[in-house]
């Protein structure tokens, strides 16, 4: 592939005769935002590497120093929604169905990949970027890592498996992150179980060289342990991560979220906007300005997926995400934040009190004929 391709594929020869596949997201100008074209490049290549006995593992990284992946290409999707709604309000464009089906298939493949898969989560990792990283067997963060699922600000909800993995975070952190879009650093990610290792950004090339210099067995468990030992050796000198606000504030987060209804949680969350601590204050302010529908949908998705399998969660997320594209808040949120950039979205409904259970159920209704598009995921 040329350097103009949105994903670059190479293989790293190793000391044992095996190779490691390397997939590099290659649109740094857009912070490596994930497009359908990129999904359609990644998924078949990962499938081929999974089936190739010469391939011992995979490295997934990104070009540029700013971002691993800042999320899905929501601007293109929002424009398609707005265009369709001019003549067919209440419907979702085929582009939405196509994108979410194939993106979620890719996320599922990463979660179930049969070989070691290392995700280099340096820089910004948001939304769809977390979807690419969450299921990797070896998730590496750096001092510059910034993770977030800020979908409440664009009228969506934490998808890409977020309905499944967020409820599994410590305490009530998953609900808090979904409702506030709060940013996490590398130490937060390690504490929450969203990352496994920390390295310095400048260790990237040394990591690739160490992979090439190692001898691999072609057996997943042994090679996974070998990759862990290799990363730990690179980290032995210490990695200076910032302190973890998530760890520091977890007791407060648990108290604010509690086990209550959203109507009870909302005033406690909004009150955080007046906290002296800037991390908590930003979280409270983001919630207060976010889509009421997104807040209610995010909590309902986590409730329904708490005991679901990943495949079951992705099937429900497909319905919810297409449902968001049939309604107005998603396109409006993207318009306000990323297209017109006036940061003044007009949410419908405008208040939490107006968001009814029937409204949320309407977002989750199947919008396809025949079997579920993700019926074959297990």
Foldseek 3Di string as FASTA:
>chain_A
DDLPDQKDWDWFAAPAQAIEIEIEGRDVVQLSAAELVNLVVPPVVLVVLLPDLSHQYYEYAYDDQAFRYQYHPLQVLLVVLVVCCVPPALAHDVRLLSRLLSLLVQLLCQLVRQAQYEYEGGHEQEQSSLSNQQRGLAYEYAQRGKYWHLCLLQQAWRASLLLACLVVFPANRSLLRRLQRFIWHPVQCCNRVSHDYYAHPVCVVVLSVLRRHDHGDSHHVVVSVVSVVSRCVRCVVDGDHDDTPCVVCVVVVNVLVPPDDCVSSLVSQLVLLPDPDPSSVSSNVSNVLGALLRSNLNVVSNVVNHPPDSLVSSLQSSLLSSLSSSHDRNSQSCCCCPNVVVSRGDHVVPDNVPCDPVNSVSSRDDDDPDDRSSVPRD
